[in-house]
Amino acid sequence: MKNEYLKNVVTLKYDIDKCTGCGICVDVCPHAVFRMENRKAVITDRDLCMECGACEKNCPFSALSVRSGVGCAWGIMMSELKGKDEPCCGCGE
């Protein structure tokens, strides 16, 4: 199941010129927003980003930036509205 939040509003920014292909963003992203291609990270689907900030916090080359927290809040609100037992943004999935 895709965990899309709001279409075309994600604050994720990626500077491919700063990317060295370490792959840390691929490893830390809980929603598989990144994949490796030709020894560089590429964004698979920006709308999957929940703006948790894990990619930015773990990128040693400052290739990524995101205003963290926005997507998590949206995910928790939607979880609450849909009546799930525990409000959740999907971070732990």
PDB file of N, CA and C in Angstrom:
ATOM      1  N   MET A   1       0.828  -1.180   0.000  1.00  0.00           N
ATOM      2  CA  MET A   1       0.000   0.000   0.000  1.00  0.00           C
ATOM      3  C   MET A   1       0.874   1.245   0.000  1.00  0.00           C
ATOM      4  N   LYS A   2       0.580   2.167  -0.877  1.00  0.00           N
ATOM      5  CA  LYS A   2       1.324   3.414  -0.941  1.00  0.00           C
ATOM      6  C   LYS A   2       0.833   4.358   0.138  1.00  0.00           C
ATOM      7  N   ASN A   3       1.739   4.960   0.855  1.00  0.00           N
ATOM      8  CA  ASN A   3       1.394   5.946   1.873  1.00  0.00           C
ATOM      9  C   ASN A   3       1.629   7.336   1.327  1.00  0.00           C
ATOM     10  N   GLU A   4       0.789   7.777   0.403  1.00  0.00           N
ATOM     11  CA  GLU A   4       0.922   9.122  -0.119  1.00  0.00           C
ATOM     12  C   GLU A   4       0.215  10.085   0.822  1.00  0.00           C
ATOM     13  N   TYR A   5       0.733  11.266   0.910  1.00  0.00           N
ATOM     14  CA  TYR A   5       0.161  12.264   1.780  1.00  0.00           C
ATOM     15  C   TYR A   5      -0.540  13.304   0.917  1.00  0.00           C
ATOM     16  N   LEU A   6      -0.084  14.483   0.836  1.00  0.00           N
ATOM     17  CA  LEU A   6      -0.685  15.493  -0.019  1.00  0.00           C
ATOM     18  C   LEU A   6       0.094  15.557  -1.324  1.00  0.00           C
ATOM     19  N   LYS A   7      -0.602  15.623  -2.434  1.00  0.00           N
ATOM     20  CA  LYS A   7       0.044  15.659  -3.740  1.00  0.00           C
ATOM     21  C   LYS A   7       0.782  16.979  -3.966  1.00  0.00           C
ATOM     22  N   ASN A   8       2.005  16.870  -4.449  1.00  0.00           N
ATOM     23  CA  ASN A   8       2.806  18.015  -4.910  1.00  0.00           C
ATOM     24  C   ASN A   8       3.037  19.113  -3.875  1.00  0.00           C
ATOM     25  N   VAL A   9       3.118  18.755  -2.603  1.00  0.00           N
ATOM     26  CA  VAL A   9       3.398  19.769  -1.591  1.00  0.00           C
ATOM     27  C   VAL A   9       4.623  19.429  -0.741  1.00  0.00           C
ATOM     28  N   VAL A  10       5.212  18.297  -0.947  1.00  0.00           N
ATOM     29  CA  VAL A  10       6.337  17.875  -0.123  1.00  0.00           C
ATOM     30  C   VAL A  10       7.489  18.880  -0.229  1.00  0.00           C
ATOM     31  N   THR A  11       8.168  19.108   0.891  1.00  0.00           N
ATOM     32  CA  THR A  11       9.252  20.090   0.935  1.00  0.00           C
ATOM     33  C   THR A  11      10.614  19.473   0.617  1.00  0.00           C
ATOM     34  N   LEU A  12      10.647  18.206   0.257  1.00  0.00           N
ATOM     35  CA  LEU A  12      11.892  17.506  -0.047  1.00  0.00           C
ATOM     36  C   LEU A  12      12.617  18.157  -1.219  1.00  0.00           C
ATOM     37  N   LYS A  13      13.890  18.486  -0.986  1.00  0.00           N
ATOM     38  CA  LYS A  13      14.755  19.014  -2.056  1.00  0.00           C
ATOM     39  C   LYS A  13      15.998  18.143  -2.126  1.00  0.00           C
ATOM     40  N   TYR A  14      16.449  17.886  -3.343  1.00  0.00           N
ATOM     41  CA  TYR A  14      17.579  16.984  -3.570  1.00  0.00           C
ATOM     42  C   TYR A  14      18.526  17.610  -4.577  1.00  0.00           C
ATOM     43  N   ASP A  15      19.800  17.737  -4.190  1.00  0.00           N
ATOM     44  CA  ASP A  15      20.839  18.277  -5.066  1.00  0.00           C
ATOM     45  C   ASP A  15      21.701  17.112  -5.544  1.00  0.00           C
ATOM     46  N   ILE A  16      21.415  16.625  -6.733  1.00  0.00           N
ATOM     47  CA  ILE A  16      22.101  15.447  -7.259  1.00  0.00           C
ATOM     48  C   ILE A  16      23.601  15.679  -7.419  1.00  0.00           C
ATOM     49  N   ASP A  17      24.007  16.930  -7.592  1.00  0.00           N
ATOM     50  CA  ASP A  17      25.434  17.227  -7.740  1.00  0.00           C
ATOM     51  C   ASP A  17      26.207  16.990  -6.441  1.00  0.00           C
ATOM     52  N   LYS A  18      25.543  17.093  -5.304  1.00  0.00           N
ATOM     53  CA  LYS A  18      26.194  16.840  -4.020  1.00  0.00           C
ATOM     54  C   LYS A  18      26.174  15.358  -3.641  1.00  0.00           C
ATOM     55  N   CYS A  19      25.335  14.575  -4.303  1.00  0.00           N
ATOM     56  CA  CYS A  19      25.200  13.149  -3.987  1.00  0.00           C
ATOM     57  C   CYS A  19      26.454  12.389  -4.419  1.00  0.00           C
ATOM     58  N   THR A  20      26.974  11.577  -3.494  1.00  0.00           N
ATOM     59  CA  THR A  20      28.153  10.756  -3.797  1.00  0.00           C
ATOM     60  C   THR A  20      27.793   9.292  -4.005  1.00  0.00           C
ATOM     61  N   GLY A  21      26.497   8.970  -3.839  1.00  0.00           N
ATOM     62  CA  GLY A  21      26.059   7.595  -4.033  1.00  0.00           C
ATOM     63  C   GLY A  21      26.294   6.681  -2.849  1.00  0.00           C
ATOM     64  N   CYS A  22      26.347   7.249  -1.651  1.00  0.00           N
ATOM     65  CA  CYS A  22      26.600   6.425  -0.463  1.00  0.00           C
ATOM     66  C   CYS A  22      25.417   5.513  -0.137  1.00  0.00           C
ATOM     67  N   GLY A  23      24.204   5.899  -0.532  1.00  0.00           N
ATOM     68  CA  GLY A  23      23.028   5.062  -0.328  1.00  0.00           C
ATOM     69  C   GLY A  23      22.386   5.146   1.045  1.00  0.00           C
ATOM     70  N   ILE A  24      22.867   6.028   1.886  1.00  0.00           N
ATOM     71  CA  ILE A  24      22.297   6.137   3.230  1.00  0.00           C
ATOM     72  C   ILE A  24      20.819   6.545   3.158  1.00  0.00           C
ATOM     73  N   CYS A  25      20.470   7.433   2.256  1.00  0.00           N
ATOM     74  CA  CYS A  25      19.070   7.866   2.136  1.00  0.00           C
ATOM     75  C   CYS A  25      18.165   6.683   1.798  1.00  0.00           C
ATOM     76  N   VAL A  26      18.632   5.794   0.974  1.00  0.00           N
ATOM     77  CA  VAL A  26      17.869   4.598   0.612  1.00  0.00           C
ATOM     78  C   VAL A  26      17.634   3.739   1.855  1.00  0.00           C
ATOM     79  N   ASP A  27      18.660   3.612   2.671  1.00  0.00           N
ATOM     80  CA  ASP A  27      18.578   2.774   3.869  1.00  0.00           C
ATOM     81  C   ASP A  27      17.681   3.357   4.955  1.00  0.00           C
ATOM     82  N   VAL A  28      17.686   4.682   5.125  1.00  0.00           N
ATOM     83  CA  VAL A  28      16.961   5.276   6.249  1.00  0.00           C
ATOM     84  C   VAL A  28      15.533   5.704   5.930  1.00  0.00           C
ATOM     85  N   CYS A  29      15.180   5.823   4.675  1.00  0.00           N
ATOM     86  CA  CYS A  29      13.840   6.289   4.309  1.00  0.00           C
ATOM     87  C   CYS A  29      12.804   5.196   4.584  1.00  0.00           C
ATOM     88  N   PRO A  30      11.814   5.481   5.458  1.00  0.00           N
ATOM     89  CA  PRO A  30      10.824   4.461   5.789  1.00  0.00           C
ATOM     90  C   PRO A  30       9.807   4.187   4.684  1.00  0.00           C
ATOM     91  N   HIS A  31       9.753   5.038   3.653  1.00  0.00           N
ATOM     92  CA  HIS A  31       8.758   4.848   2.600  1.00  0.00           C
ATOM     93  C   HIS A  31       9.372   4.664   1.213  1.00  0.00           C
ATOM     94  N   ALA A  32      10.632   4.298   1.158  1.00  0.00           N
ATOM     95  CA  ALA A  32      11.308   3.991  -0.114  1.00  0.00           C
ATOM     96  C   ALA A  32      11.165   5.110  -1.148  1.00  0.00           C
ATOM     97  N   VAL A  33      11.400   6.330  -0.705  1.00  0.00           N
ATOM     98  CA  VAL A  33      11.348   7.478  -1.615  1.00  0.00           C
ATOM     99  C   VAL A  33      12.559   7.477  -2.556  1.00  0.00           C
ATOM    100  N   PHE A  34      13.649   6.840  -2.129  1.00  0.00           N
ATOM    101  CA  PHE A  34      14.885   6.837  -2.918  1.00  0.00           C
ATOM    102  C   PHE A  34      15.250   5.426  -3.378  1.00  0.00           C
ATOM    103  N   ARG A  35      15.948   5.366  -4.482  1.00  0.00           N
ATOM    104  CA  ARG A  35      16.588   4.132  -4.937  1.00  0.00           C
ATOM    105  C   ARG A  35      17.905   4.535  -5.590  1.00  0.00           C
ATOM    106  N   MET A  36      18.809   3.591  -5.715  1.00  0.00           N
ATOM    107  CA  MET A  36      20.092   3.868  -6.351  1.00  0.00           C
ATOM    108  C   MET A  36      19.994   3.567  -7.839  1.00  0.00           C
ATOM    109  N   GLU A  37      20.568   4.449  -8.631  1.00  0.00           N
ATOM    110  CA  GLU A  37      20.574   4.290 -10.086  1.00  0.00           C
ATOM    111  C   GLU A  37      21.834   4.952 -10.624  1.00  0.00           C
ATOM    112  N   ASN A  38      22.644   4.201 -11.332  1.00  0.00           N
ATOM    113  CA  ASN A  38      23.903   4.727 -11.888  1.00  0.00           C
ATOM    114  C   ASN A  38      24.763   5.393 -10.821  1.00  0.00           C
ATOM    115  N   ARG A  39      24.856   4.747  -9.668  1.00  0.00           N
ATOM    116  CA  ARG A  39      25.681   5.195  -8.541  1.00  0.00           C
ATOM    117  C   ARG A  39      25.278   6.544  -7.955  1.00  0.00           C
ATOM    118  N   LYS A  40      24.017   6.888  -8.086  1.00  0.00           N
ATOM    119  CA  LYS A  40      23.445   8.091  -7.474  1.00  0.00           C
ATOM    120  C   LYS A  40      22.062   7.737  -6.939  1.00  0.00           C
ATOM    121  N   ALA A  41      21.634   8.443  -5.928  1.00  0.00           N
ATOM    122  CA  ALA A  41      20.273   8.278  -5.443  1.00  0.00           C
ATOM    123  C   ALA A  41      19.322   8.991  -6.396  1.00  0.00           C
ATOM    124  N   VAL A  42      18.169   8.417  -6.603  1.00  0.00           N
ATOM    125  CA  VAL A  42      17.104   9.067  -7.377  1.00  0.00           C
ATOM    126  C   VAL A  42      15.815   8.981  -6.560  1.00  0.00           C
ATOM    127  N   ILE A  43      14.958   9.943  -6.767  1.00  0.00           N
ATOM    128  CA  ILE A  43      13.676   9.969  -6.066  1.00  0.00           C
ATOM    129  C   ILE A  43      12.685   9.134  -6.866  1.00  0.00           C
ATOM    130  N   THR A  44      12.063   8.157  -6.193  1.00  0.00           N
ATOM    131  CA  THR A  44      11.106   7.276  -6.868  1.00  0.00           C
ATOM    132  C   THR A  44       9.742   7.941  -7.011  1.00  0.00           C
ATOM    133  N   ASP A  45       9.264   8.553  -5.931  1.00  0.00           N
ATOM    134  CA  ASP A  45       7.951   9.217  -5.925  1.00  0.00           C
ATOM    135  C   ASP A  45       7.949  10.219  -4.772  1.00  0.00           C
ATOM    136  N   ARG A  46       8.039  11.485  -5.091  1.00  0.00           N
ATOM    137  CA  ARG A  46       8.103  12.539  -4.073  1.00  0.00           C
ATOM    138  C   ARG A  46       6.898  12.512  -3.139  1.00  0.00           C
ATOM    139  N   ASP A  47       5.736  12.136  -3.652  1.00  0.00           N
ATOM    140  CA  ASP A  47       4.525  12.145  -2.839  1.00  0.00           C
ATOM    141  C   ASP A  47       4.509  11.052  -1.768  1.00  0.00           C
ATOM    142  N   LEU A  48       5.448  10.122  -1.812  1.00  0.00           N
ATOM    143  CA  LEU A  48       5.573   9.114  -0.760  1.00  0.00           C
ATOM    144  C   LEU A  48       6.292   9.680   0.465  1.00  0.00           C
ATOM    145  N   CYS A  49       6.975  10.798   0.289  1.00  0.00           N
ATOM    146  CA  CYS A  49       7.745  11.392   1.386  1.00  0.00           C
ATOM    147  C   CYS A  49       6.808  11.901   2.472  1.00  0.00           C
ATOM    148  N   MET A  50       7.049  11.441   3.715  1.00  0.00           N
ATOM    149  CA  MET A  50       6.253  11.891   4.849  1.00  0.00           C
ATOM    150  C   MET A  50       6.977  12.976   5.632  1.00  0.00           C
ATOM    151  N   GLU A  51       8.096  13.425   5.099  1.00  0.00           N
ATOM    152  CA  GLU A  51       8.869  14.532   5.653  1.00  0.00           C
ATOM    153  C   GLU A  51       9.348  14.250   7.078  1.00  0.00           C
ATOM    154  N   CYS A  52       9.782  13.032   7.325  1.00  0.00           N
ATOM    155  CA  CYS A  52      10.282  12.671   8.656  1.00  0.00           C
ATOM    156  C   CYS A  52      11.659  13.277   8.923  1.00  0.00           C
ATOM    157  N   GLY A  53      12.402  13.571   7.861  1.00  0.00           N
ATOM    158  CA  GLY A  53      13.708  14.200   8.006  1.00  0.00           C
ATOM    159  C   GLY A  53      14.873  13.236   8.120  1.00  0.00           C
ATOM    160  N   ALA A  54      14.607  11.934   8.079  1.00  0.00           N
ATOM    161  CA  ALA A  54      15.683  10.952   8.233  1.00  0.00           C
ATOM    162  C   ALA A  54      16.745  11.087   7.142  1.00  0.00           C
ATOM    163  N   CYS A  55      16.333  11.341   5.924  1.00  0.00           N
ATOM    164  CA  CYS A  55      17.299  11.452   4.823  1.00  0.00           C
ATOM    165  C   CYS A  55      18.225  12.646   5.029  1.00  0.00           C
ATOM    166  N   GLU A  56      17.655  13.795   5.346  1.00  0.00           N
ATOM    167  CA  GLU A  56      18.461  15.002   5.549  1.00  0.00           C
ATOM    168  C   GLU A  56      19.408  14.837   6.735  1.00  0.00           C
ATOM    169  N   LYS A  57      18.903  14.310   7.829  1.00  0.00           N
ATOM    170  CA  LYS A  57      19.719  14.163   9.039  1.00  0.00           C
ATOM    171  C   LYS A  57      20.874  13.183   8.845  1.00  0.00           C
ATOM    172  N   ASN A  58      20.709  12.233   7.945  1.00  0.00           N
ATOM    173  CA  ASN A  58      21.730  11.203   7.760  1.00  0.00           C
ATOM    174  C   ASN A  58      22.602  11.389   6.530  1.00  0.00           C
ATOM    175  N   CYS A  59      22.296  12.360   5.674  1.00  0.00           N
ATOM    176  CA  CYS A  59      23.106  12.589   4.476  1.00  0.00           C
ATOM    177  C   CYS A  59      24.380  13.344   4.854  1.00  0.00           C
ATOM    178  N   PRO A  60      25.543  12.681   4.740  1.00  0.00           N
ATOM    179  CA  PRO A  60      26.797  13.335   5.141  1.00  0.00           C
ATOM    180  C   PRO A  60      27.272  14.410   4.162  1.00  0.00           C
ATOM    181  N   PHE A  61      26.576  14.549   3.036  1.00  0.00           N
ATOM    182  CA  PHE A  61      27.031  15.492   2.011  1.00  0.00           C
ATOM    183  C   PHE A  61      26.039  16.636   1.773  1.00  0.00           C
ATOM    184  N   SER A  62      25.028  16.739   2.627  1.00  0.00           N
ATOM    185  CA  SER A  62      24.022  17.816   2.536  1.00  0.00           C
ATOM    186  C   SER A  62      23.354  17.893   1.171  1.00  0.00           C
ATOM    187  N   ALA A  63      23.101  16.745   0.586  1.00  0.00           N
ATOM    188  CA  ALA A  63      22.440  16.693  -0.719  1.00  0.00           C
ATOM    189  C   ALA A  63      20.923  16.776  -0.580  1.00  0.00           C
ATOM    190  N   LEU A  64      20.414  16.613   0.637  1.00  0.00           N
ATOM    191  CA  LEU A  64      18.972  16.583   0.851  1.00  0.00           C
ATOM    192  C   LEU A  64      18.544  17.610   1.891  1.00  0.00           C
ATOM    193  N   SER A  65      17.373  18.166   1.690  1.00  0.00           N
ATOM    194  CA  SER A  65      16.775  19.018   2.706  1.00  0.00           C
ATOM    195  C   SER A  65      15.268  18.783   2.684  1.00  0.00           C
ATOM    196  N   VAL A  66      14.661  18.890   3.860  1.00  0.00           N
ATOM    197  CA  VAL A  66      13.221  18.690   3.995  1.00  0.00           C
ATOM    198  C   VAL A  66      12.777  19.370   5.278  1.00  0.00           C
ATOM    199  N   ARG A  67      11.605  19.957   5.242  1.00  0.00           N
ATOM    200  CA  ARG A  67      11.041  20.554   6.452  1.00  0.00           C
ATOM    201  C   ARG A  67      10.337  19.429   7.202  1.00  0.00           C
ATOM    202  N   SER A  68      11.016  18.831   8.129  1.00  0.00           N
ATOM    203  CA  SER A  68      10.502  17.624   8.773  1.00  0.00           C
ATOM    204  C   SER A  68       9.304  17.886   9.666  1.00  0.00           C
ATOM    205  N   GLY A  69       8.470  16.873   9.780  1.00  0.00           N
ATOM    206  CA  GLY A  69       7.326  16.909  10.666  1.00  0.00           C
ATOM    207  C   GLY A  69       5.988  17.071   9.983  1.00  0.00           C
ATOM    208  N   VAL A  70       5.942  17.684   8.833  1.00  0.00           N
ATOM    209  CA  VAL A  70       4.678  17.968   8.166  1.00  0.00           C
ATOM    210  C   VAL A  70       3.961  16.679   7.786  1.00  0.00           C
ATOM    211  N   GLY A  71       4.639  15.771   7.134  1.00  0.00           N
ATOM    212  CA  GLY A  71       4.021  14.521   6.691  1.00  0.00           C
ATOM    213  C   GLY A  71       3.625  13.624   7.839  1.00  0.00           C
ATOM    214  N   CYS A  72       4.431  13.577   8.888  1.00  0.00           N
ATOM    215  CA  CYS A  72       4.088  12.761  10.062  1.00  0.00           C
ATOM    216  C   CYS A  72       2.782  13.261  10.673  1.00  0.00           C
ATOM    217  N   ALA A  73       2.644  14.569  10.804  1.00  0.00           N
ATOM    218  CA  ALA A  73       1.421  15.131  11.377  1.00  0.00           C
ATOM    219  C   ALA A  73       0.213  14.764  10.516  1.00  0.00           C
ATOM    220  N   TRP A  74       0.357  14.859   9.214  1.00  0.00           N
ATOM    221  CA  TRP A  74      -0.734  14.510   8.298  1.00  0.00           C
ATOM    222  C   TRP A  74      -1.083  13.027   8.440  1.00  0.00           C
ATOM    223  N   GLY A  75      -0.092  12.172   8.498  1.00  0.00           N
ATOM    224  CA  GLY A  75      -0.325  10.741   8.646  1.00  0.00           C
ATOM    225  C   GLY A  75      -1.045  10.405   9.935  1.00  0.00           C
ATOM    226  N   ILE A  76      -0.668  11.051  11.010  1.00  0.00           N
ATOM    227  CA  ILE A  76      -1.315  10.800  12.304  1.00  0.00           C
ATOM    228  C   ILE A  76      -2.764  11.297  12.280  1.00  0.00           C
ATOM    229  N   MET A  77      -3.001  12.465  11.683  1.00  0.00           N
ATOM    230  CA  MET A  77      -4.368  12.976  11.588  1.00  0.00           C
ATOM    231  C   MET A  77      -5.246  12.041  10.769  1.00  0.00           C
ATOM    232  N   MET A  78      -4.737  11.558   9.645  1.00  0.00           N
ATOM    233  CA  MET A  78      -5.512  10.660   8.790  1.00  0.00           C
ATOM    234  C   MET A  78      -5.758   9.332   9.496  1.00  0.00           C
ATOM    235  N   SER A  79      -4.794   8.843  10.223  1.00  0.00           N
ATOM    236  CA  SER A  79      -4.953   7.610  10.985  1.00  0.00           C
ATOM    237  C   SER A  79      -6.060   7.772  12.020  1.00  0.00           C
ATOM    238  N   GLU A  80      -6.058   8.891  12.676  1.00  0.00           N
ATOM    239  CA  GLU A  80      -7.083   9.188  13.689  1.00  0.00           C
ATOM    240  C   GLU A  80      -8.460   9.278  13.035  1.00  0.00           C
ATOM    241  N   LEU A  81      -8.549   9.971  11.906  1.00  0.00           N
ATOM    242  CA  LEU A  81      -9.827  10.130  11.213  1.00  0.00           C
ATOM    243  C   LEU A  81     -10.366   8.810  10.677  1.00  0.00           C
ATOM    244  N   LYS A  82      -9.472   7.911  10.297  1.00  0.00           N
ATOM    245  CA  LYS A  82      -9.882   6.606   9.770  1.00  0.00           C
ATOM    246  C   LYS A  82     -10.180   5.614  10.885  1.00  0.00           C
ATOM    247  N   GLY A  83      -9.994   6.031  12.141  1.00  0.00           N
ATOM    248  CA  GLY A  83     -10.360   5.209  13.278  1.00  0.00           C
ATOM    249  C   GLY A  83      -9.402   4.080  13.597  1.00  0.00           C
ATOM    250  N   LYS A  84      -8.138   4.235  13.289  1.00  0.00           N
ATOM    251  CA  LYS A  84      -7.163   3.208  13.641  1.00  0.00           C
ATOM    252  C   LYS A  84      -6.937   3.227  15.152  1.00  0.00           C
ATOM    253  N   ASP A  85      -6.600   2.054  15.720  1.00  0.00           N
ATOM    254  CA  ASP A  85      -6.401   1.935  17.170  1.00  0.00           C
ATOM    255  C   ASP A  85      -5.353   2.912  17.684  1.00  0.00           C
ATOM    256  N   GLU A  86      -4.198   2.933  17.053  1.00  0.00           N
ATOM    257  CA  GLU A  86      -3.108   3.808  17.453  1.00  0.00           C
ATOM    258  C   GLU A  86      -2.822   4.783  16.312  1.00  0.00           C
ATOM    259  N   PRO A  87      -2.936   6.092  16.545  1.00  0.00           N
ATOM    260  CA  PRO A  87      -2.567   7.039  15.488  1.00  0.00           C
ATOM    261  C   PRO A  87      -1.127   6.806  15.061  1.00  0.00           C
ATOM    262  N   CYS A  88      -0.895   6.733  13.770  1.00  0.00           N
ATOM    263  CA  CYS A  88       0.428   6.365  13.270  1.00  0.00           C
ATOM    264  C   CYS A  88       0.699   7.047  11.941  1.00  0.00           C
ATOM    265  N   CYS A  89       1.937   7.476  11.751  1.00  0.00           N
ATOM    266  CA  CYS A  89       2.314   8.097  10.478  1.00  0.00           C
ATOM    267  C   CYS A  89       2.962   7.098   9.536  1.00  0.00           C
ATOM    268  N   GLY A  90       3.269   5.905  10.011  1.00  0.00           N
ATOM    269  CA  GLY A  90       3.889   4.893   9.172  1.00  0.00           C
ATOM    270  C   GLY A  90       5.371   4.766   9.373  1.00  0.00           C
ATOM    271  N   CYS A  91       5.954   5.556  10.280  1.00  0.00           N
ATOM    272  CA  CYS A  91       7.394   5.520  10.514  1.00  0.00           C
ATOM    273  C   CYS A  91       7.886   4.139  10.890  1.00  0.00           C
ATOM    274  N   GLY A  92       7.117   3.422  11.671  1.00  0.00           N
ATOM    275  CA  GLY A  92       7.560   2.130  12.167  1.00  0.00           C
ATOM    276  C   GLY A  92       7.256   0.966  11.253  1.00  0.00           C
ATOM    277  N   GLU A  93       6.675   1.210  10.086  1.00  0.00           N
ATOM    278  CA  GLU A  93       6.313   0.119   9.178  1.00  0.00           C
ATOM    279  C   GLU A  93       7.480  -0.350   8.385  1.00  0.00           C
TER     280      GLU A  93
END
